[in-house]
Amino acid sequence: MKRIIADFNTLDSAPVDLVKLAAPGSWQEQQLPPLQQGERVILYDYDGLEVEATVIHDDGGWWLAAPDVNTWRDTTPQATPLPPVEAGR
């Protein structure tokens, strides 16, 4: 599967629940790998979040992606918690 850097903040703007990958003719569109309608990809960000998604190429020429909510994952290693401090030490 192709991996594409994404801004997950775009999930909140219309159309809601779709990640906006690139507007037609934009520099972002030129940075995308070759994509096809319905193709499965992995979207990721630099904070360690990633999700599998289905590519959508809408009638206006926008490249969008519909995340599969069951595949969200955080790839950042979690810090090991410190042991509790004992009283009297």
PDB file of N, CA and C in Angstrom:
ATOM      1  N   MET A   1       0.831  -1.182   0.000  1.00  0.00           N
ATOM      2  CA  MET A   1       0.000   0.000   0.000  1.00  0.00           C
ATOM      3  C   MET A   1       0.876   1.246   0.000  1.00  0.00           C
ATOM      4  N   LYS A   2       0.434   2.253  -0.728  1.00  0.00           N
ATOM      5  CA  LYS A   2       1.165   3.518  -0.749  1.00  0.00           C
ATOM      6  C   LYS A   2       0.951   4.245   0.565  1.00  0.00           C
ATOM      7  N   ARG A   3       1.995   4.941   1.010  1.00  0.00           N
ATOM      8  CA  ARG A   3       1.922   5.753   2.240  1.00  0.00           C
ATOM      9  C   ARG A   3       1.904   7.217   1.832  1.00  0.00           C
ATOM     10  N   ILE A   4       0.943   7.963   2.390  1.00  0.00           N
ATOM     11  CA  ILE A   4       0.758   9.368   2.023  1.00  0.00           C
ATOM     12  C   ILE A   4       0.699  10.198   3.294  1.00  0.00           C
ATOM     13  N   ILE A   5       1.507  11.250   3.344  1.00  0.00           N
ATOM     14  CA  ILE A   5       1.454  12.182   4.469  1.00  0.00           C
ATOM     15  C   ILE A   5       0.112  12.914   4.394  1.00  0.00           C
ATOM     16  N   ALA A   6      -0.531  13.103   5.547  1.00  0.00           N
ATOM     17  CA  ALA A   6      -1.862  13.710   5.554  1.00  0.00           C
ATOM     18  C   ALA A   6      -2.023  14.656   6.722  1.00  0.00           C
ATOM     19  N   ASP A   7      -2.910  15.628   6.554  1.00  0.00           N
ATOM     20  CA  ASP A   7      -3.289  16.537   7.628  1.00  0.00           C
ATOM     21  C   ASP A   7      -4.648  16.083   8.141  1.00  0.00           C
ATOM     22  N   PHE A   8      -4.658  15.385   9.274  1.00  0.00           N
ATOM     23  CA  PHE A   8      -5.898  14.843   9.814  1.00  0.00           C
ATOM     24  C   PHE A   8      -6.833  15.930  10.340  1.00  0.00           C
ATOM     25  N   ASN A   9      -6.351  17.156  10.485  1.00  0.00           N
ATOM     26  CA  ASN A   9      -7.219  18.259  10.889  1.00  0.00           C
ATOM     27  C   ASN A   9      -8.284  18.547   9.835  1.00  0.00           C
ATOM     28  N   THR A  10      -8.061  18.132   8.601  1.00  0.00           N
ATOM     29  CA  THR A  10      -9.033  18.386   7.538  1.00  0.00           C
ATOM     30  C   THR A  10     -10.273  17.497   7.659  1.00  0.00           C
ATOM     31  N   LEU A  11     -10.266  16.539   8.571  1.00  0.00           N
ATOM     32  CA  LEU A  11     -11.439  15.686   8.774  1.00  0.00           C
ATOM     33  C   LEU A  11     -12.656  16.489   9.232  1.00  0.00           C
ATOM     34  N   ASP A  12     -12.421  17.639   9.865  1.00  0.00           N
ATOM     35  CA  ASP A  12     -13.507  18.444  10.426  1.00  0.00           C
ATOM     36  C   ASP A  12     -14.128  19.421   9.435  1.00  0.00           C
ATOM     37  N   SER A  13     -13.483  19.653   8.287  1.00  0.00           N
ATOM     38  CA  SER A  13     -14.029  20.590   7.305  1.00  0.00           C
ATOM     39  C   SER A  13     -14.833  19.818   6.253  1.00  0.00           C
ATOM     40  N   ALA A  14     -15.752  20.527   5.598  1.00  0.00           N
ATOM     41  CA  ALA A  14     -16.622  19.881   4.603  1.00  0.00           C
ATOM     42  C   ALA A  14     -15.796  19.406   3.411  1.00  0.00           C
ATOM     43  N   PRO A  15     -16.059  18.236   2.925  1.00  0.00           N
ATOM     44  CA  PRO A  15     -16.955  17.219   3.450  1.00  0.00           C
ATOM     45  C   PRO A  15     -16.358  16.547   4.693  1.00  0.00           C
ATOM     46  N   VAL A  16     -17.134  16.565   5.773  1.00  0.00           N
ATOM     47  CA  VAL A  16     -16.693  16.052   7.071  1.00  0.00           C
ATOM     48  C   VAL A  16     -16.402  14.556   6.985  1.00  0.00           C
ATOM     49  N   ASP A  17     -15.414  14.122   7.754  1.00  0.00           N
ATOM     50  CA  ASP A  17     -14.983  12.728   7.869  1.00  0.00           C
ATOM     51  C   ASP A  17     -14.190  12.218   6.670  1.00  0.00           C
ATOM     52  N   LEU A  18     -13.759  13.122   5.801  1.00  0.00           N
ATOM     53  CA  LEU A  18     -12.844  12.765   4.715  1.00  0.00           C
ATOM     54  C   LEU A  18     -11.571  13.580   4.878  1.00  0.00           C
ATOM     55  N   VAL A  19     -10.429  12.943   4.660  1.00  0.00           N
ATOM     56  CA  VAL A  19      -9.145  13.648   4.693  1.00  0.00           C
ATOM     57  C   VAL A  19      -8.930  14.275   3.320  1.00  0.00           C
ATOM     58  N   LYS A  20      -8.650  15.581   3.319  1.00  0.00           N
ATOM     59  CA  LYS A  20      -8.399  16.277   2.067  1.00  0.00           C
ATOM     60  C   LYS A  20      -6.916  16.123   1.728  1.00  0.00           C
ATOM     61  N   LEU A  21      -6.646  15.471   0.617  1.00  0.00           N
ATOM     62  CA  LEU A  21      -5.260  15.230   0.214  1.00  0.00           C
ATOM     63  C   LEU A  21      -4.722  16.338  -0.675  1.00  0.00           C
ATOM     64  N   ALA A  22      -5.515  16.775  -1.681  1.00  0.00           N
ATOM     65  CA  ALA A  22      -5.010  17.792  -2.605  1.00  0.00           C
ATOM     66  C   ALA A  22      -6.135  18.378  -3.448  1.00  0.00           C
ATOM     67  N   ALA A  23      -6.047  19.700  -3.643  1.00  0.00           N
ATOM     68  CA  ALA A  23      -6.948  20.399  -4.555  1.00  0.00           C
ATOM     69  C   ALA A  23      -6.427  20.237  -5.974  1.00  0.00           C
ATOM     70  N   PRO A  24      -7.316  20.322  -6.958  1.00  0.00           N
ATOM     71  CA  PRO A  24      -6.853  20.187  -8.342  1.00  0.00           C
ATOM     72  C   PRO A  24      -5.864  21.290  -8.719  1.00  0.00           C
ATOM     73  N   GLY A  25      -4.757  20.899  -9.341  1.00  0.00           N
ATOM     74  CA  GLY A  25      -3.742  21.844  -9.791  1.00  0.00           C
ATOM     75  C   GLY A  25      -2.828  22.390  -8.711  1.00  0.00           C
ATOM     76  N   SER A  26      -2.968  21.909  -7.481  1.00  0.00           N
ATOM     77  CA  SER A  26      -2.152  22.419  -6.373  1.00  0.00           C
ATOM     78  C   SER A  26      -0.788  21.729  -6.334  1.00  0.00           C
ATOM     79  N   TRP A  27       0.125  22.346  -5.571  1.00  0.00           N
ATOM     80  CA  TRP A  27       1.445  21.711  -5.408  1.00  0.00           C
ATOM     81  C   TRP A  27       1.299  20.391  -4.655  1.00  0.00           C
ATOM     82  N   GLN A  28       0.275  20.297  -3.752  1.00  0.00           N
ATOM     83  CA  GLN A  28       0.056  19.046  -3.026  1.00  0.00           C
ATOM     84  C   GLN A  28      -0.322  17.919  -3.992  1.00  0.00           C
ATOM     85  N   GLU A  29      -1.103  18.267  -5.008  1.00  0.00           N
ATOM     86  CA  GLU A  29      -1.488  17.252  -5.996  1.00  0.00           C
ATOM     87  C   GLU A  29      -0.253  16.738  -6.738  1.00  0.00           C
ATOM     88  N   GLN A  30       0.670  17.618  -7.009  1.00  0.00           N
ATOM     89  CA  GLN A  30       1.888  17.227  -7.727  1.00  0.00           C
ATOM     90  C   GLN A  30       2.790  16.347  -6.868  1.00  0.00           C
ATOM     91  N   GLN A  31       2.649  16.442  -5.544  1.00  0.00           N
ATOM     92  CA  GLN A  31       3.459  15.634  -4.626  1.00  0.00           C
ATOM     93  C   GLN A  31       2.873  14.240  -4.393  1.00  0.00           C
ATOM     94  N   LEU A  32       1.601  14.034  -4.758  1.00  0.00           N
ATOM     95  CA  LEU A  32       0.978  12.728  -4.539  1.00  0.00           C
ATOM     96  C   LEU A  32       1.559  11.675  -5.469  1.00  0.00           C
ATOM     97  N   PRO A  33       1.636  10.437  -4.999  1.00  0.00           N
ATOM     98  CA  PRO A  33       1.997   9.360  -5.923  1.00  0.00           C
ATOM     99  C   PRO A  33       0.822   9.135  -6.876  1.00  0.00           C
ATOM    100  N   PRO A  34       1.019   8.417  -7.963  1.00  0.00           N
ATOM    101  CA  PRO A  34      -0.120   8.119  -8.844  1.00  0.00           C
ATOM    102  C   PRO A  34      -1.199   7.368  -8.050  1.00  0.00           C
ATOM    103  N   LEU A  35      -2.431   7.876  -8.102  1.00  0.00           N
ATOM    104  CA  LEU A  35      -3.533   7.284  -7.352  1.00  0.00           C
ATOM    105  C   LEU A  35      -4.690   6.937  -8.273  1.00  0.00           C
ATOM    106  N   GLN A  36      -5.533   6.017  -7.802  1.00  0.00           N
ATOM    107  CA  GLN A  36      -6.737   5.635  -8.536  1.00  0.00           C
ATOM    108  C   GLN A  36      -7.921   5.657  -7.588  1.00  0.00           C
ATOM    109  N   GLN A  37      -9.073   6.021  -8.104  1.00  0.00           N
ATOM    110  CA  GLN A  37     -10.318   5.974  -7.352  1.00  0.00           C
ATOM    111  C   GLN A  37     -10.488   4.589  -6.732  1.00  0.00           C
ATOM    112  N   GLY A  38     -10.793   4.530  -5.434  1.00  0.00           N
ATOM    113  CA  GLY A  38     -11.023   3.260  -4.756  1.00  0.00           C
ATOM    114  C   GLY A  38      -9.782   2.559  -4.240  1.00  0.00           C
ATOM    115  N   GLU A  39      -8.614   3.081  -4.534  1.00  0.00           N
ATOM    116  CA  GLU A  39      -7.361   2.469  -4.084  1.00  0.00           C
ATOM    117  C   GLU A  39      -7.230   2.582  -2.567  1.00  0.00           C
ATOM    118  N   ARG A  40      -6.693   1.546  -1.936  1.00  0.00           N
ATOM    119  CA  ARG A  40      -6.419   1.566  -0.489  1.00  0.00           C
ATOM    120  C   ARG A  40      -5.008   2.099  -0.280  1.00  0.00           C
ATOM    121  N   VAL A  41      -4.875   3.030   0.682  1.00  0.00           N
ATOM    122  CA  VAL A  41      -3.588   3.629   1.010  1.00  0.00           C
ATOM    123  C   VAL A  41      -3.458   3.714   2.531  1.00  0.00           C
ATOM    124  N   ILE A  42      -2.266   4.048   2.989  1.00  0.00           N
ATOM    125  CA  ILE A  42      -2.047   4.342   4.403  1.00  0.00           C
ATOM    126  C   ILE A  42      -1.752   5.832   4.506  1.00  0.00           C
ATOM    127  N   LEU A  43      -2.558   6.529   5.309  1.00  0.00           N
ATOM    128  CA  LEU A  43      -2.323   7.938   5.598  1.00  0.00           C
ATOM    129  C   LEU A  43      -1.565   8.025   6.908  1.00  0.00           C
ATOM    130  N   TYR A  44      -0.620   8.966   7.009  1.00  0.00           N
ATOM    131  CA  TYR A  44       0.129   9.114   8.253  1.00  0.00           C
ATOM    132  C   TYR A  44       0.475  10.576   8.469  1.00  0.00           C
ATOM    133  N   ASP A  45       0.817  10.909   9.717  1.00  0.00           N
ATOM    134  CA  ASP A  45       1.322  12.241  10.016  1.00  0.00           C
ATOM    135  C   ASP A  45       2.621  12.097  10.808  1.00  0.00           C
ATOM    136  N   TYR A  46       3.293  13.223  11.017  1.00  0.00           N
ATOM    137  CA  TYR A  46       4.595  13.183  11.688  1.00  0.00           C
ATOM    138  C   TYR A  46       4.480  12.975  13.188  1.00  0.00           C
ATOM    139  N   ASP A  47       3.251  12.995  13.730  1.00  0.00           N
ATOM    140  CA  ASP A  47       3.053  12.741  15.153  1.00  0.00           C
ATOM    141  C   ASP A  47       2.892  11.258  15.453  1.00  0.00           C
ATOM    142  N   GLY A  48       2.908  10.416  14.424  1.00  0.00           N
ATOM    143  CA  GLY A  48       2.842   8.975  14.638  1.00  0.00           C
ATOM    144  C   GLY A  48       1.477   8.355  14.411  1.00  0.00           C
ATOM    145  N   LEU A  49       0.482   9.150  14.016  1.00  0.00           N
ATOM    146  CA  LEU A  49      -0.830   8.573  13.717  1.00  0.00           C
ATOM    147  C   LEU A  49      -0.845   8.042  12.299  1.00  0.00           C
ATOM    148  N   GLU A  50      -1.512   6.919  12.106  1.00  0.00           N
ATOM    149  CA  GLU A  50      -1.719   6.405  10.758  1.00  0.00           C
ATOM    150  C   GLU A  50      -3.022   5.639  10.697  1.00  0.00           C
ATOM    151  N   VAL A  51      -3.562   5.544   9.474  1.00  0.00           N
ATOM    152  CA  VAL A  51      -4.838   4.879   9.254  1.00  0.00           C
ATOM    153  C   VAL A  51      -4.890   4.409   7.804  1.00  0.00           C
ATOM    154  N   GLU A  52      -5.540   3.285   7.580  1.00  0.00           N
ATOM    155  CA  GLU A  52      -5.792   2.839   6.215  1.00  0.00           C
ATOM    156  C   GLU A  52      -6.993   3.614   5.698  1.00  0.00           C
ATOM    157  N   ALA A  53      -6.984   3.936   4.408  1.00  0.00           N
ATOM    158  CA  ALA A  53      -8.060   4.742   3.834  1.00  0.00           C
ATOM    159  C   ALA A  53      -8.294   4.363   2.378  1.00  0.00           C
ATOM    160  N   THR A  54      -9.469   4.739   1.890  1.00  0.00           N
ATOM    161  CA  THR A  54      -9.837   4.515   0.498  1.00  0.00           C
ATOM    162  C   THR A  54      -9.810   5.852  -0.234  1.00  0.00           C
ATOM    163  N   VAL A  55      -9.131   5.906  -1.366  1.00  0.00           N
ATOM    164  CA  VAL A  55      -8.969   7.128  -2.149  1.00  0.00           C
ATOM    165  C   VAL A  55     -10.264   7.460  -2.886  1.00  0.00           C
ATOM    166  N   ILE A  56     -10.591   8.762  -2.886  1.00  0.00           N
ATOM    167  CA  ILE A  56     -11.742   9.283  -3.628  1.00  0.00           C
ATOM    168  C   ILE A  56     -11.242  10.426  -4.501  1.00  0.00           C
ATOM    169  N   HIS A  57     -11.606  10.404  -5.766  1.00  0.00           N
ATOM    170  CA  HIS A  57     -11.322  11.527  -6.664  1.00  0.00           C
ATOM    171  C   HIS A  57     -12.673  12.096  -7.058  1.00  0.00           C
ATOM    172  N   ASP A  58     -13.041  13.259  -6.466  1.00  0.00           N
ATOM    173  CA  ASP A  58     -14.405  13.761  -6.654  1.00  0.00           C
ATOM    174  C   ASP A  58     -14.586  14.486  -7.984  1.00  0.00           C
ATOM    175  N   ASP A  59     -15.822  14.884  -8.257  1.00  0.00           N
ATOM    176  CA  ASP A  59     -16.155  15.529  -9.534  1.00  0.00           C
ATOM    177  C   ASP A  59     -15.453  16.871  -9.715  1.00  0.00           C
ATOM    178  N   GLY A  60     -15.074  17.515  -8.611  1.00  0.00           N
ATOM    179  CA  GLY A  60     -14.355  18.785  -8.685  1.00  0.00           C
ATOM    180  C   GLY A  60     -12.859  18.628  -8.857  1.00  0.00           C
ATOM    181  N   GLY A  61     -12.367  17.398  -8.915  1.00  0.00           N
ATOM    182  CA  GLY A  61     -10.941  17.141  -9.097  1.00  0.00           C
ATOM    183  C   GLY A  61     -10.151  17.006  -7.813  1.00  0.00           C
ATOM    184  N   TRP A  62     -10.819  17.127  -6.659  1.00  0.00           N
ATOM    185  CA  TRP A  62     -10.135  16.971  -5.372  1.00  0.00           C
ATOM    186  C   TRP A  62      -9.764  15.523  -5.130  1.00  0.00           C
ATOM    187  N   TRP A  63      -8.600  15.315  -4.525  1.00  0.00           N
ATOM    188  CA  TRP A  63      -8.207  14.000  -4.021  1.00  0.00           C
ATOM    189  C   TRP A  63      -8.527  13.972  -2.537  1.00  0.00           C
ATOM    190  N   LEU A  64      -9.341  13.002  -2.129  1.00  0.00           N
ATOM    191  CA  LEU A  64      -9.779  12.832  -0.750  1.00  0.00           C
ATOM    192  C   LEU A  64      -9.509  11.393  -0.340  1.00  0.00           C
ATOM    193  N   ALA A  65      -9.665  11.120   0.943  1.00  0.00           N
ATOM    194  CA  ALA A  65      -9.518   9.741   1.417  1.00  0.00           C
ATOM    195  C   ALA A  65     -10.482   9.510   2.570  1.00  0.00           C
ATOM    196  N   ALA A  66     -11.148   8.368   2.539  1.00  0.00           N
ATOM    197  CA  ALA A  66     -12.084   7.970   3.589  1.00  0.00           C
ATOM    198  C   ALA A  66     -11.366   7.006   4.523  1.00  0.00           C
ATOM    199  N   PRO A  67     -11.054   7.445   5.746  1.00  0.00           N
ATOM    200  CA  PRO A  67     -10.345   6.578   6.687  1.00  0.00           C
ATOM    201  C   PRO A  67     -11.200   5.394   7.138  1.00  0.00           C
ATOM    202  N   ASP A  68     -10.569   4.258   7.312  1.00  0.00           N
ATOM    203  CA  ASP A  68     -11.214   3.083   7.902  1.00  0.00           C
ATOM    204  C   ASP A  68     -11.021   3.213   9.408  1.00  0.00           C
ATOM    205  N   VAL A  69     -12.089   3.572  10.119  1.00  0.00           N
ATOM    206  CA  VAL A  69     -11.976   3.894  11.549  1.00  0.00           C
ATOM    207  C   VAL A  69     -11.440   2.737  12.383  1.00  0.00           C
ATOM    208  N   ASN A  70     -11.542   1.528  11.895  1.00  0.00           N
ATOM    209  CA  ASN A  70     -11.047   0.360  12.640  1.00  0.00           C
ATOM    210  C   ASN A  70      -9.538   0.176  12.532  1.00  0.00           C
ATOM    211  N   THR A  71      -8.864   1.014  11.744  1.00  0.00           N
ATOM    212  CA  THR A  71      -7.425   0.826  11.533  1.00  0.00           C
ATOM    213  C   THR A  71      -6.571   1.960  12.092  1.00  0.00           C
ATOM    214  N   TRP A  72      -7.159   2.912  12.836  1.00  0.00           N
ATOM    215  CA  TRP A  72      -6.364   3.981  13.438  1.00  0.00           C
ATOM    216  C   TRP A  72      -5.322   3.379  14.377  1.00  0.00           C
ATOM    217  N   ARG A  73      -4.097   3.889  14.304  1.00  0.00           N
ATOM    218  CA  ARG A  73      -3.060   3.421  15.230  1.00  0.00           C
ATOM    219  C   ARG A  73      -2.050   4.541  15.468  1.00  0.00           C
ATOM    220  N   ASP A  74      -1.466   4.488  16.639  1.00  0.00           N
ATOM    221  CA  ASP A  74      -0.415   5.415  17.015  1.00  0.00           C
ATOM    222  C   ASP A  74       0.888   4.638  16.976  1.00  0.00           C
ATOM    223  N   THR A  75       1.785   5.043  16.088  1.00  0.00           N
ATOM    224  CA  THR A  75       3.033   4.300  15.902  1.00  0.00           C
ATOM    225  C   THR A  75       4.164   4.827  16.784  1.00  0.00           C
ATOM    226  N   THR A  76       3.888   5.867  17.573  1.00  0.00           N
ATOM    227  CA  THR A  76       4.900   6.428  18.464  1.00  0.00           C
ATOM    228  C   THR A  76       5.072   5.502  19.661  1.00  0.00           C
ATOM    229  N   PRO A  77       6.288   5.075  19.928  1.00  0.00           N
ATOM    230  CA  PRO A  77       6.490   4.210  21.107  1.00  0.00           C
ATOM    231  C   PRO A  77       6.075   4.943  22.380  1.00  0.00           C
ATOM    232  N   GLN A  78       5.363   4.241  23.227  1.00  0.00           N
ATOM    233  CA  GLN A  78       4.919   4.824  24.493  1.00  0.00           C
ATOM    234  C   GLN A  78       6.054   4.728  25.507  1.00  0.00           C
ATOM    235  N   ALA A  79       6.223   5.782  26.265  1.00  0.00           N
ATOM    236  CA  ALA A  79       7.258   5.791  27.303  1.00  0.00           C
ATOM    237  C   ALA A  79       6.883   4.783  28.383  1.00  0.00           C
ATOM    238  N   THR A  80       7.864   4.102  28.903  1.00  0.00           N
ATOM    239  CA  THR A  80       7.635   3.161  29.993  1.00  0.00           C
ATOM    240  C   THR A  80       7.407   3.960  31.269  1.00  0.00           C
ATOM    241  N   PRO A  81       6.290   3.739  31.945  1.00  0.00           N
ATOM    242  CA  PRO A  81       6.035   4.516  33.158  1.00  0.00           C
ATOM    243  C   PRO A  81       7.051   4.181  34.247  1.00  0.00           C
ATOM    244  N   LEU A  82       7.362   5.179  35.044  1.00  0.00           N
ATOM    245  CA  LEU A  82       8.287   4.971  36.166  1.00  0.00           C
ATOM    246  C   LEU A  82       7.571   4.227  37.273  1.00  0.00           C
ATOM    247  N   PRO A  83       8.308   3.421  38.042  1.00  0.00           N
ATOM    248  CA  PRO A  83       7.670   2.719  39.154  1.00  0.00           C
ATOM    249  C   PRO A  83       7.217   3.720  40.202  1.00  0.00           C
ATOM    250  N   PRO A  84       6.194   3.375  40.997  1.00  0.00           N
ATOM    251  CA  PRO A  84       5.716   4.317  42.024  1.00  0.00           C
ATOM    252  C   PRO A  84       6.798   4.572  43.067  1.00  0.00           C
ATOM    253  N   VAL A  85       6.787   5.779  43.588  1.00  0.00           N
ATOM    254  CA  VAL A  85       7.745   6.171  44.632  1.00  0.00           C
ATOM    255  C   VAL A  85       7.223   5.647  45.975  1.00  0.00           C
ATOM    256  N   GLU A  86       8.102   4.996  46.725  1.00  0.00           N
ATOM    257  CA  GLU A  86       7.700   4.484  48.030  1.00  0.00           C
ATOM    258  C   GLU A  86       7.909   5.547  49.098  1.00  0.00           C
ATOM    259  N   ALA A  87       6.967   5.644  50.040  1.00  0.00           N
ATOM    260  CA  ALA A  87       7.067   6.615  51.126  1.00  0.00           C
ATOM    261  C   ALA A  87       8.250   6.272  52.027  1.00  0.00           C
ATOM    262  N   GLY A  88       8.888   7.274  52.574  1.00  0.00           N
ATOM    263  CA  GLY A  88       9.997   7.069  53.501  1.00  0.00           C
ATOM    264  C   GLY A  88      11.330   6.912  52.814  1.00  0.00           C
ATOM    265  N   ARG A  89      11.427   7.067  51.548  1.00  0.00           N
ATOM    266  CA  ARG A  89      12.714   6.954  50.870  1.00  0.00           C
ATOM    267  C   ARG A  89      13.264   8.292  50.579  1.00  0.00           C
TER     268      ARG A  89
END
